[in-house]
């Protein structure tokens, strides 16, 4: 059974069952959006009892991002309250339907059309048409190699669309855009970390992406996990952690500083990060 802390729906303090977070329209624009919907509580993929064995394949999307992805079924009981993920998938399906009607060009091959996604949810006992319910389509993507969402030389390729669709329709993060996805976000020439075209494909944009940055900040100030800010091998981010651990300042600003740093900087390690550090804290 999953631990209470694994239940999504909120970001900071995401453990409450049955309490949803605010979903900002498009999942990217941020607090200026006027359309707000209640996001249902959910159980994450990594909370499944058989997650370790079911997603043991190295390189699978589900294995790498299971702590952000919503379980296709998901069931958890706390006290007298039991939830599964049906309501969450119905909520996500409404977002998908809006995009199909208004911006079909943003959809990947896996999500583009009612012949690909025909309904919101089917439970594990259903057999007919199971591959075209949204939760089953996402499950299929979870079982693909991460190369399927690794951007190629073509910025309009299916990999970019699938990456965006995966996090928008199948995760608690909403659509996560990288620097290269946001035309107004620039960081100078390619000697700067954020200005390098290859880095720009993987570093998360400072603009928008509120859900991602809130979740990453939660991970940063946690006392467990691979994104902990008190890691002594990450001097640049360790300094930010020490200076801000009481007020828990959002890590977004530190990543922006990092993007503007030159990769050949001769500053001290607590004043200038390495590529590995930035990738660890500022990419998914």
Protein backbone atom coordinates (compact mmCIF):
# COMPACT_ATOMS: atom_id res chain seq x y z
CA UNK A 1 0.00 0.00 0.00
CA UNK A 2 1.30 3.47 -0.88
CA UNK A 3 2.37 5.85 1.84
CA UNK A 4 0.21 8.92 2.43
CA UNK A 5 3.01 11.19 1.24
CA UNK A 6 2.84 9.59 -2.17
CA UNK A 7 -0.66 10.81 -2.93
CA UNK A 8 -0.56 13.58 -5.51
CA UNK A 9 -3.02 16.34 -6.16
CA UNK A 10 -1.13 18.97 -4.20
CA UNK A 11 2.55 19.79 -4.54
CA UNK A 12 3.93 21.23 -1.35
CA UNK A 13 2.12 19.18 1.26
CA UNK A 14 0.78 16.70 -1.26
CA UNK A 15 -0.11 14.00 1.23
CA UNK A 16 -3.77 14.75 1.85
CA UNK A 17 -6.25 12.31 0.35
CA UNK A 18 -9.24 13.83 -1.37
CA UNK A 19 -7.81 17.36 -1.44
CA UNK A 20 -6.94 18.58 -4.92
CA UNK A 21 -4.63 21.38 -5.97
CA UNK A 22 -5.46 24.29 -8.22
CA UNK A 23 -4.89 23.49 -11.86
CA UNK A 24 -3.85 26.51 -13.90
CA UNK A 25 -5.16 26.45 -17.44
CA UNK A 26 -2.72 24.91 -19.86
CA UNK A 27 -0.66 23.71 -16.90
CA UNK A 28 2.12 26.05 -18.00
CA UNK A 29 1.08 29.70 -18.02
CA UNK A 30 1.21 30.07 -14.24
CA UNK A 31 -0.60 32.35 -11.84
CA UNK A 32 -1.77 34.84 -14.48
CA UNK A 33 -4.20 32.28 -15.89
CA UNK A 34 -7.87 33.03 -15.27
CA UNK A 35 -9.19 29.51 -15.73
CA UNK A 36 -8.86 27.47 -12.56
CA UNK A 37 -10.16 23.96 -12.05
CA UNK A 38 -9.93 21.70 -9.03
CA UNK A 39 -7.47 18.89 -9.60
CA UNK A 40 -8.59 15.65 -7.92
CA UNK A 41 -6.32 13.80 -5.53
CA UNK A 42 -4.39 10.92 -7.03
CA UNK A 43 -2.01 8.06 -6.32
CA UNK A 44 1.36 8.10 -8.05
CA UNK A 45 2.81 5.33 -10.18
CA UNK A 46 5.78 4.86 -7.85
CA UNK A 47 3.32 4.11 -5.03
CA UNK A 48 2.01 0.95 -6.66
CA UNK A 49 2.81 -2.15 -4.61
CA UNK A 50 4.39 -3.84 -7.62
CA UNK A 51 6.17 -0.76 -8.97
CA UNK A 52 9.71 -2.11 -8.46
CA UNK A 53 8.97 -5.34 -10.27
CA UNK A 54 6.52 -3.97 -12.82
CA UNK A 55 8.84 -1.18 -13.89
CA UNK A 56 12.17 -2.90 -13.48
CA UNK A 57 13.29 -2.31 -17.05
CA UNK A 58 16.15 0.17 -17.19
CA UNK A 59 15.33 3.14 -19.40
CA UNK A 60 11.55 2.88 -19.17
CA UNK A 61 9.76 6.20 -18.83
CA UNK A 62 7.71 4.88 -15.93
CA UNK A 63 10.78 3.73 -14.04
CA UNK A 64 12.55 7.07 -14.44
CA UNK A 65 9.61 9.39 -13.73
CA UNK A 66 7.28 7.23 -11.62
CA UNK A 67 7.31 9.73 -8.75
CA UNK A 68 5.65 12.31 -11.05
CA UNK A 69 3.37 10.05 -13.11
CA UNK A 70 -0.15 9.13 -12.08
CA UNK A 71 -0.90 5.44 -11.60
CA UNK A 72 -3.22 4.07 -14.31
CA UNK A 73 -5.53 2.66 -11.62
CA UNK A 74 -4.23 3.67 -8.19
CA UNK A 75 -6.00 2.88 -4.94
CA UNK A 76 -5.23 4.02 -1.42
CA UNK A 77 -7.10 4.13 1.87
CA UNK A 78 -6.42 6.43 4.78
CA UNK A 79 -8.80 6.26 7.70
CA UNK A 80 -12.28 5.97 6.25
CA UNK A 81 -11.39 7.58 2.93
CA UNK A 82 -10.49 5.54 -0.15
CA UNK A 83 -9.54 7.01 -3.48
CA UNK A 84 -8.57 5.63 -6.84
CA UNK A 85 -7.47 7.64 -9.84
CA UNK A 86 -10.69 7.49 -11.86
CA UNK A 87 -11.68 11.09 -11.08
CA UNK A 88 -8.19 12.32 -11.84
CA UNK A 89 -8.21 10.62 -15.26
CA UNK A 90 -11.63 12.08 -15.99
CA UNK A 91 -10.27 15.52 -15.12
CA UNK A 92 -7.20 15.03 -17.31
CA UNK A 93 -9.35 13.72 -20.16
CA UNK A 94 -11.30 17.01 -20.18
CA UNK A 95 -8.01 18.87 -20.60
CA UNK A 96 -7.07 16.55 -23.44
CA UNK A 97 -10.44 17.09 -25.16
CA UNK A 98 -9.96 20.86 -25.05
CA UNK A 99 -6.56 20.52 -26.66
CA UNK A 100 -7.86 18.16 -29.33
CA UNK A 101 -10.52 20.71 -30.24
CA UNK A 102 -8.40 23.84 -30.00
CA UNK A 103 -4.76 22.89 -30.63
CA UNK A 104 -4.51 19.41 -32.21
CA UNK A 105 -1.09 20.29 -33.61
CA UNK A 106 0.37 20.01 -30.12
CA UNK A 107 -0.62 16.35 -29.80
CA UNK A 108 1.79 13.50 -30.45
CA UNK A 109 0.96 10.45 -32.53
CA UNK A 110 -0.01 8.61 -29.35
CA UNK A 111 -2.59 11.22 -28.28
CA UNK A 112 -3.84 12.74 -31.53
CA UNK A 113 -7.43 11.82 -32.29
CA UNK A 114 -10.41 10.04 -30.80
CA UNK A 115 -9.17 6.84 -32.40
CA UNK A 116 -6.12 7.12 -30.12
CA UNK A 117 -7.89 8.35 -26.95
CA UNK A 118 -11.57 7.46 -26.80
CA UNK A 119 -12.46 7.82 -23.11
CA UNK A 120 -11.04 8.75 -19.74
CA UNK A 121 -10.70 5.57 -17.74
CA UNK A 122 -11.04 1.80 -17.73
CA UNK A 123 -10.15 -0.30 -14.72
CA UNK A 124 -7.86 -3.31 -14.82
CA UNK A 125 -10.72 -5.79 -15.25
CA UNK A 126 -11.97 -4.17 -18.43
CA UNK A 127 -10.80 -5.79 -21.63
CA UNK A 128 -12.67 -4.14 -24.50
CA UNK A 129 -11.10 -1.02 -26.03
CA UNK A 130 -8.66 -0.84 -23.12
CA UNK A 131 -5.84 0.55 -25.23
CA UNK A 132 -7.70 3.76 -26.05
CA UNK A 133 -8.75 4.95 -22.59
CA UNK A 134 -6.49 7.76 -21.45
CA UNK A 135 -5.18 5.88 -18.43
CA UNK A 136 -4.23 2.90 -20.63
CA UNK A 137 -2.61 5.11 -23.28
CA UNK A 138 -0.49 6.67 -20.56
CA UNK A 139 0.37 3.23 -19.22
CA UNK A 140 1.57 2.27 -22.71
CA UNK A 141 3.83 5.35 -22.76
CA UNK A 142 5.15 4.55 -19.28
CA UNK A 143 6.43 1.26 -20.69
CA UNK A 144 8.39 2.91 -23.52
CA UNK A 145 12.07 3.82 -23.48
CA UNK A 146 13.01 7.37 -22.48
CA UNK A 147 14.47 7.88 -25.96
CA UNK A 148 10.84 8.27 -27.09
CA UNK A 149 10.67 11.62 -25.26
CA UNK A 150 14.27 12.72 -25.84
CA UNK A 151 14.25 15.66 -28.29
CA UNK A 152 15.84 15.00 -31.66
CA UNK A 153 17.37 17.51 -34.05
CA UNK A 154 13.84 18.32 -35.22
CA UNK A 155 12.27 20.66 -32.61
CA UNK A 156 8.81 19.85 -33.98
CA UNK A 157 9.35 16.10 -33.85
CA UNK A 158 7.09 13.61 -32.12
CA UNK A 159 9.54 13.27 -29.20
CA UNK A 160 8.91 16.85 -28.05
CA UNK A 161 5.15 16.54 -28.44
CA UNK A 162 5.08 13.21 -26.59
CA UNK A 163 7.18 14.62 -23.75
CA UNK A 164 4.80 17.56 -23.38
CA UNK A 165 1.70 15.34 -23.65
CA UNK A 166 3.07 12.82 -21.15
CA UNK A 167 3.58 15.39 -18.42
CA UNK A 168 0.41 17.32 -19.21
CA UNK A 169 -2.05 14.40 -19.37
CA UNK A 170 -0.34 11.70 -17.29
CA UNK A 171 1.49 13.51 -14.48
CA UNK A 172 1.10 15.86 -11.54
CA UNK A 173 3.46 18.36 -13.17
CA UNK A 174 1.31 19.57 -16.03
CA UNK A 175 2.98 20.45 -19.32
CA UNK A 176 6.68 21.02 -18.66
CA UNK A 177 8.41 23.24 -21.21
CA UNK A 178 12.15 23.51 -21.64
CA UNK A 179 14.13 26.62 -22.53
CA UNK A 180 14.03 25.65 -26.21
CA UNK A 181 10.21 25.52 -26.07
CA UNK A 182 9.91 29.14 -24.88
CA UNK A 183 10.96 31.65 -27.53
CA UNK A 184 11.11 34.64 -25.19
CA UNK A 185 13.52 32.96 -22.79
CA UNK A 186 17.14 33.40 -23.88
CA UNK A 187 20.48 33.12 -22.10
CA UNK A 188 23.03 34.56 -24.51
CA UNK A 189 25.48 32.54 -26.57
CA UNK A 190 26.29 28.86 -26.26
CA UNK A 191 29.14 29.47 -23.80
CA UNK A 192 26.45 30.10 -21.19
CA UNK A 193 24.83 26.97 -19.81
CA UNK A 194 21.30 28.08 -20.71
CA UNK A 195 22.35 29.37 -24.13
CA UNK A 196 23.77 26.05 -25.27
CA UNK A 197 21.26 24.47 -27.70
CA UNK A 198 21.67 20.96 -26.29
CA UNK A 199 21.22 22.16 -22.71
CA UNK A 200 18.20 24.23 -23.74
CA UNK A 201 16.41 21.05 -24.80
CA UNK A 202 16.57 19.58 -21.30
CA UNK A 203 16.72 22.51 -18.84
CA UNK A 204 13.23 23.47 -17.63
CA UNK A 205 12.16 27.00 -18.56
CA UNK A 206 11.92 29.59 -15.80
CA UNK A 207 8.84 31.06 -17.48
CA UNK A 208 5.69 29.29 -16.29
CA UNK A 209 6.10 25.65 -15.23
CA UNK A 210 4.81 26.55 -11.76
CA UNK A 211 3.87 22.98 -10.87
CA UNK A 212 7.31 21.68 -11.76
CA UNK A 213 9.17 24.35 -9.80
CA UNK A 214 6.98 23.89 -6.74
CA UNK A 215 7.50 20.14 -6.81
CA UNK A 216 11.23 20.46 -7.39
CA UNK A 217 11.48 22.87 -4.45
CA UNK A 218 9.66 20.36 -2.28
CA UNK A 219 12.19 17.71 -3.32
CA UNK A 220 15.10 20.13 -2.82
CA UNK A 221 14.26 20.82 0.83
CA UNK A 222 13.31 17.22 1.61
CA UNK A 223 15.51 15.04 3.82
CA UNK A 224 15.41 12.18 1.35
CA UNK A 225 15.56 11.50 -2.38
CA UNK A 226 18.02 12.24 -5.17
CA UNK A 227 17.16 15.96 -5.47
CA UNK A 228 18.12 16.93 -1.91
CA UNK A 229 19.78 20.32 -1.70
CA UNK A 230 22.09 19.39 1.17
CA UNK A 231 24.22 17.21 -1.12
CA UNK A 232 27.83 18.18 -0.47
CA UNK A 233 28.84 17.34 -4.04
CA UNK A 234 26.68 20.19 -5.38
CA UNK A 235 28.37 23.28 -3.94
CA UNK A 236 26.47 25.88 -5.97
CA UNK A 237 23.08 24.51 -4.95
CA UNK A 238 24.23 23.51 -1.45
CA UNK A 239 24.96 27.18 -0.73
CA UNK A 240 21.44 28.11 -1.87
CA UNK A 241 20.03 25.35 0.35
CA UNK A 242 21.92 26.53 3.43
CA UNK A 243 20.92 30.16 2.86
CA UNK A 244 17.24 29.38 2.29
CA UNK A 245 16.37 26.16 4.10
CA UNK A 246 14.26 27.92 6.74
CA UNK A 247 12.10 30.00 4.40
CA UNK A 248 12.30 27.36 1.64
CA UNK A 249 12.78 29.80 -1.21
CA UNK A 250 11.80 28.36 -4.59
CA UNK A 251 14.74 26.83 -6.46
CA UNK A 252 13.56 28.40 -9.72
CA UNK A 253 15.64 31.53 -9.12
CA UNK A 254 18.82 29.56 -8.47
CA UNK A 255 18.34 27.64 -11.71
CA UNK A 256 17.94 30.92 -13.59
CA UNK A 257 21.24 32.09 -12.12
CA UNK A 258 22.82 28.82 -13.19
CA UNK A 259 21.54 29.14 -16.76
CA UNK A 260 23.29 32.51 -17.09
CA UNK A 261 26.65 31.21 -15.88
CA UNK A 262 29.45 30.52 -18.34
CA UNK A 263 30.44 26.88 -18.62
CA UNK A 264 34.11 27.94 -18.60
CA UNK A 265 33.79 30.10 -15.49
CA UNK A 266 36.76 30.22 -13.13
CA UNK A 267 34.62 31.23 -10.15
CA UNK A 268 34.60 29.07 -7.04
CA UNK A 269 32.37 25.99 -7.08
CA UNK A 270 29.83 27.58 -4.73
CA UNK A 271 29.54 30.56 -7.11
CA UNK A 272 29.41 28.69 -10.41
CA UNK A 273 27.79 25.29 -11.01
CA UNK A 274 28.80 22.32 -13.09
CA UNK A 275 26.66 20.96 -15.92
CA UNK A 276 25.93 17.88 -13.83
CA UNK A 277 24.59 20.01 -10.97
CA UNK A 278 22.25 21.99 -13.22
CA UNK A 279 20.99 18.84 -14.90
CA UNK A 280 20.30 17.30 -11.51
CA UNK A 281 18.24 20.17 -10.11
CA UNK A 282 16.89 22.05 -13.14
CA UNK A 283 15.83 19.25 -15.49
CA UNK A 284 13.15 16.61 -15.00
